[in-house]
Each structure stands twice: as structure tokens, then as C-alpha cells.
Amino acid sequence: MQVPAGRLMRRVRRISRRCWGRTSVKSTLTSLPGDAELHRDPTPYAGVVRAPAFPADADWIGSPALRLAGLRGKVVLLYFGYTFCPDACPTTLSELKKVPAALGDRADEVQVVMVSVDPQRDTPEVLREYLSYFDPSFLGLTGTEEEVLAAATPLGIYFSAHEGSAATGYLVDHTTSVLAIDKDGYLRLLYSFETPGEDIAADAATTVSPAGR
């Protein structure tokens, strides 16, 4: 049974009050948990370095067949978005599409994962079809509103539904950062909106690794 859009928005807003801040990159990066420090490393990363690294691959969301812990051994580029997003999501996914192409025969060492912040509309089938337009290898995860919030909050991810137009239905404001999780399951780098895919690929190929933790 589907939840009416108005009721869904009220529930998401109520839940989201426990998140940190709005969607600016600054507020997102500075609100991560623990005593970690975000800084620029002397190595020329395209992303912002999180040190010490934060374990980010707990079994917190998704179907039993796919958990982030099941992707250990790969660099995971994690993004929170939704298929009805009119701008930020297609822009970000278009950049992430460049990563496997740039890595060539090392492409299978990196996995792009999008977690839906709109579980009401984004069924697994909808996510699969949407992501295949960008790259068939991209994976989508979804769950209940509570599960998505539990996944997003420890990573400093914010989302909140609001009224849209008659054509779009409700829309969802959300953090637009991409998170890079290393092969040992630790959050290592954060990329701001519109970071070029080529730069993300360069980090994935040379510096996003367990050895750097």
C-alpha cells in the first residue's frame, strides 16, 4: 500500500529533524560523527580527505543479496539520490559514468552505488532501470524511510521532501556529495557536487586504498 505524498512528506520531515544541517558541502563535511578531522592531504586528491577513516560498510540497508559489506575488496563510490531528481542526480551520475571508462581494465575494482532517498517511488525495479541508462554496472539500494535515514545520518547525509509542481509531484532536497569508501570498507574521501568524473577516477586508481588509512 502506497503512502499518500503529503503524509510521506510529513513523515520524512519529522524524521529528518534528527539529521545535521542543510545540504551545503561545508555543513555536510563538518557534521560527520566522531573526532575525525577533514583536511587537505599533501597528495593532490580531488576529494576532501577524512582522517581517520570511518567504517562505512555495516549491514545497514538493502536486500539480503547486496550489502556494502559484500562489496569489500572494491572501492565504492556511494551517492544518495533519487530517480525523480530533476538536476543534481543526473548530473552526478553522468560524471560517475566516466569513472569505469577511465579505469579501463581496472573498472571492476570500483563500484558505483546509489541509495534512494525516495523509497516511496524508487522500487528496486525503478532504480535498476534508471541506473542502467547511465551504466549497467551501477547498483541501487533502497529500504524503508527509517532504514534510509539510519544509513544516511552517520555519514552526514541530509534529505527532506517538499512540495513540487503538478508535473513533478513532491521533490526531495538532499546532500549531493559522493562518498568514496576504500577496499577495507572505510570512508576515505568526499567529493563535492560537479567534481569531474575523471578526477574521481584518478583518485580511485591511485590513492583510494587501504594502505592510505
Protein backbone atom coordinates (compact mmCIF):
# COMPACT_ATOMS: atom_id res chain seq x y z
CA MET A 1 0.00 0.00 0.00
CA GLN A 2 1.42 3.36 -1.01
CA VAL A 3 1.63 6.22 1.46
CA PRO A 4 -0.02 9.47 0.22
CA ALA A 5 2.57 12.05 -0.82
CA GLY A 6 1.50 14.60 1.81
CA ARG A 7 1.74 12.05 4.59
CA LEU A 8 5.11 10.86 3.29
CA MET A 9 6.49 14.41 3.31
CA ARG A 10 5.37 14.96 6.88
CA ARG A 11 6.98 11.71 7.96
CA VAL A 12 10.26 12.44 6.17
CA ARG A 13 10.40 15.96 7.59
CA ARG A 14 9.73 14.65 11.10
CA ILE A 15 12.44 12.02 10.79
CA SER A 16 14.89 14.37 9.11
CA ARG A 17 14.91 16.81 12.03
CA ARG A 18 17.40 14.41 13.62
CA CYS A 19 19.84 14.94 10.73
CA TRP A 20 22.57 17.57 10.65
CA GLY A 21 22.03 20.84 8.79
CA ARG A 22 21.04 21.64 5.25
CA THR A 23 22.63 20.45 2.03
CA SER A 24 25.71 22.66 1.77
CA VAL A 25 29.00 20.84 1.29
CA LYS A 26 30.50 22.64 4.30
CA SER A 27 27.77 21.61 6.73
CA THR A 28 27.77 18.06 5.39
CA LEU A 29 31.51 17.56 5.70
CA THR A 30 31.82 19.05 9.16
CA SER A 31 28.94 17.09 10.65
CA LEU A 32 30.40 13.61 10.33
CA PRO A 33 30.48 11.63 13.59
CA GLY A 34 33.38 11.06 15.95
CA ASP A 35 36.56 13.03 16.42
CA ALA A 36 37.58 12.83 12.78
CA GLU A 37 39.22 15.74 11.06
CA LEU A 38 38.66 16.71 7.43
CA HIS A 39 41.71 18.20 5.79
CA ARG A 40 43.62 18.56 2.58
CA ASP A 41 46.32 15.93 2.31
CA PRO A 42 49.63 16.82 0.58
CA THR A 43 48.70 14.21 -2.03
CA PRO A 44 46.66 16.00 -4.71
CA TYR A 45 43.33 14.31 -4.13
CA ALA A 46 40.30 15.68 -5.95
CA GLY A 47 38.15 14.86 -2.92
CA VAL A 48 38.29 16.04 0.67
CA VAL A 49 40.16 13.59 2.91
CA ARG A 50 38.54 12.22 6.03
CA ALA A 51 41.08 11.21 8.68
CA PRO A 52 40.93 8.93 10.48
CA ALA A 53 38.83 6.86 8.11
CA PHE A 54 35.29 5.97 9.22
CA PRO A 55 33.95 2.39 8.87
CA ALA A 56 31.05 2.73 6.45
CA ASP A 57 30.11 -0.76 5.28
CA ALA A 58 27.93 -2.09 8.10
CA ASP A 59 24.88 -4.16 7.14
CA TRP A 60 22.54 -1.21 7.35
CA ILE A 61 20.47 -1.23 4.21
CA GLY A 62 19.49 -3.12 1.11
CA SER A 63 18.29 -6.56 0.19
CA PRO A 64 19.95 -9.62 1.74
CA ALA A 65 21.66 -10.20 -1.60
CA LEU A 66 23.50 -6.88 -1.56
CA ARG A 67 25.10 -5.11 1.37
CA LEU A 68 28.03 -2.74 1.32
CA ALA A 69 29.94 -5.31 3.36
CA GLY A 70 29.51 -7.62 0.37
CA LEU A 71 31.49 -5.16 -1.74
CA ARG A 72 34.65 -5.43 0.38
CA GLY A 73 37.65 -5.51 -1.94
CA LYS A 74 36.21 -2.81 -4.20
CA VAL A 75 36.34 0.97 -3.98
CA VAL A 76 32.69 2.03 -3.53
CA LEU A 77 31.51 5.41 -4.80
CA LEU A 78 28.38 5.98 -2.74
CA TYR A 79 25.71 8.53 -3.63
CA PHE A 80 22.33 9.29 -2.08
CA GLY A 81 19.77 10.46 -4.63
CA TYR A 82 16.51 9.55 -6.33
CA THR A 83 15.19 8.79 -9.79
CA PHE A 84 12.75 11.73 -9.95
CA CYS A 85 15.56 14.22 -9.24
CA PRO A 86 15.47 16.90 -11.97
CA ASP A 87 19.08 18.08 -11.87
CA ALA A 88 21.71 17.06 -9.30
CA CYS A 89 21.30 13.30 -9.64
CA PRO A 90 21.53 13.00 -13.43
CA THR A 91 24.45 15.44 -13.38
CA THR A 92 26.32 13.44 -10.73
CA LEU A 93 25.59 10.06 -12.32
CA SER A 94 26.76 11.38 -15.68
CA GLU A 95 30.10 12.24 -14.06
CA LEU A 96 30.30 8.90 -12.26
CA LYS A 97 29.66 7.18 -15.58
CA LYS A 98 33.10 8.39 -16.67
CA VAL A 99 34.87 6.52 -13.87
CA PRO A 100 34.66 2.94 -15.22
CA ALA A 101 35.56 4.15 -18.71
CA ALA A 102 38.61 6.00 -17.39
CA LEU A 103 39.80 3.00 -15.37
CA GLY A 104 39.77 0.63 -18.32
CA ASP A 105 40.68 -2.91 -17.27
CA ARG A 106 40.62 -1.81 -13.62
CA ALA A 107 36.96 -0.78 -13.81
CA ASP A 108 35.82 -3.86 -11.90
CA GLU A 109 37.77 -2.60 -8.85
CA VAL A 110 35.25 0.24 -8.41
CA GLN A 111 31.50 0.01 -7.76
CA VAL A 112 29.09 2.92 -8.01
CA VAL A 113 26.14 2.58 -5.60
CA MET A 114 23.14 4.90 -5.32
CA VAL A 115 20.92 4.75 -2.23
CA SER A 116 17.45 6.16 -2.88
CA VAL A 117 16.21 8.95 -0.60
CA ASP A 118 12.74 8.45 -2.13
CA PRO A 119 11.79 4.87 -1.21
CA GLN A 120 8.11 5.65 -1.81
CA ARG A 121 8.64 5.87 -5.57
CA ASP A 122 12.01 4.18 -6.09
CA THR A 123 11.33 0.46 -6.07
CA PRO A 124 14.26 -1.86 -6.84
CA GLU A 125 12.93 -2.25 -10.37
CA VAL A 126 12.67 1.53 -10.92
CA LEU A 127 16.19 2.03 -9.57
CA ARG A 128 17.62 -0.72 -11.76
CA GLU A 129 16.07 0.70 -14.93
CA TYR A 130 17.08 4.28 -14.10
CA LEU A 131 20.71 3.45 -13.29
CA SER A 132 21.08 1.30 -16.38
CA TYR A 133 20.67 4.43 -18.51
CA PHE A 134 23.97 5.65 -17.07
CA ASP A 135 25.88 2.38 -16.67
CA PRO A 136 24.51 -1.17 -16.34
CA SER A 137 27.09 -1.87 -13.63
CA PHE A 138 25.69 0.80 -11.26
CA LEU A 139 23.86 -0.66 -8.27
CA GLY A 140 20.82 0.79 -6.48
CA LEU A 141 19.78 0.28 -2.87
CA THR A 142 16.56 1.16 -1.13
CA GLY A 143 14.65 0.36 2.05
CA THR A 144 12.11 1.88 4.38
CA GLU A 145 12.30 5.58 5.26
CA GLU A 146 13.72 4.62 8.66
CA GLU A 147 16.38 2.36 7.11
CA VAL A 148 17.47 5.03 4.64
CA LEU A 149 17.69 7.62 7.41
CA ALA A 150 19.69 5.22 9.59
CA ALA A 151 22.11 4.74 6.68
CA ALA A 152 22.37 8.42 5.80
CA THR A 153 22.71 10.07 9.20
CA PRO A 154 26.04 8.55 10.35
CA LEU A 155 27.54 9.60 7.02
CA GLY A 156 26.35 13.22 7.32
CA ILE A 157 23.77 12.85 4.55
CA TYR A 158 20.66 15.05 4.71
CA PHE A 159 17.38 14.68 2.83
CA SER A 160 13.90 16.19 3.14
CA ALA A 161 10.82 16.04 0.90
CA HIS A 162 8.93 19.18 -0.13
CA GLU A 163 6.11 20.19 -2.45
CA GLY A 164 6.90 20.33 -6.15
CA SER A 165 4.75 21.11 -9.15
CA ALA A 166 1.80 19.23 -10.59
CA ALA A 167 4.16 17.79 -13.19
CA THR A 168 6.91 16.63 -10.81
CA GLY A 169 4.96 15.74 -7.69
CA TYR A 170 6.94 16.16 -4.47
CA LEU A 171 10.70 16.71 -4.68
CA VAL A 172 13.47 15.80 -2.24
CA ASP A 173 16.26 18.12 -1.14
CA HIS A 174 19.36 16.06 -0.42
CA THR A 175 23.11 16.17 0.05
CA THR A 176 24.83 15.94 -3.33
CA SER A 177 28.25 14.72 -2.18
CA VAL A 178 29.77 11.46 -3.44
CA LEU A 179 31.48 9.34 -0.77
CA ALA A 180 34.46 7.12 -1.60
CA ILE A 181 34.77 4.01 0.56
CA ASP A 182 38.04 2.12 0.30
CA LYS A 183 38.55 -1.60 -0.24
CA ASP A 184 38.54 -2.24 3.50
CA GLY A 185 35.16 -0.53 3.95
CA TYR A 186 36.36 2.82 5.32
CA LEU A 187 35.08 6.22 4.23
CA ARG A 188 38.14 7.94 2.78
CA LEU A 189 37.16 10.83 0.51
CA LEU A 190 34.19 13.11 -0.12
CA TYR A 191 33.51 14.77 -3.45
CA SER A 192 31.52 17.95 -3.81
CA PHE A 193 28.83 18.38 -6.44
CA GLU A 194 30.13 18.57 -10.01
CA THR A 195 33.56 17.09 -9.25
CA PRO A 196 34.68 15.82 -12.68
CA GLY A 197 34.42 12.08 -13.15
CA GLU A 198 37.98 12.00 -14.49
CA ASP A 199 39.26 13.39 -11.18
CA ILE A 200 37.30 10.83 -9.18
CA ALA A 201 38.69 8.07 -11.41
CA ALA A 202 42.24 9.33 -10.84
CA ASP A 203 41.74 9.11 -7.07
CA ALA A 204 40.19 5.66 -7.34
CA ALA A 205 43.06 4.40 -9.48
CA THR A 206 45.96 5.74 -7.42
CA THR A 207 45.06 6.81 -3.89
CA VAL A 208 41.77 5.37 -2.55
CA SER A 209 43.20 2.28 -0.93
CA PRO A 210 43.51 0.63 2.48
CA ALA A 211 47.21 1.48 2.57
CA GLY A 212 46.42 5.16 2.99
CA ARG A 213 44.41 4.76 6.22
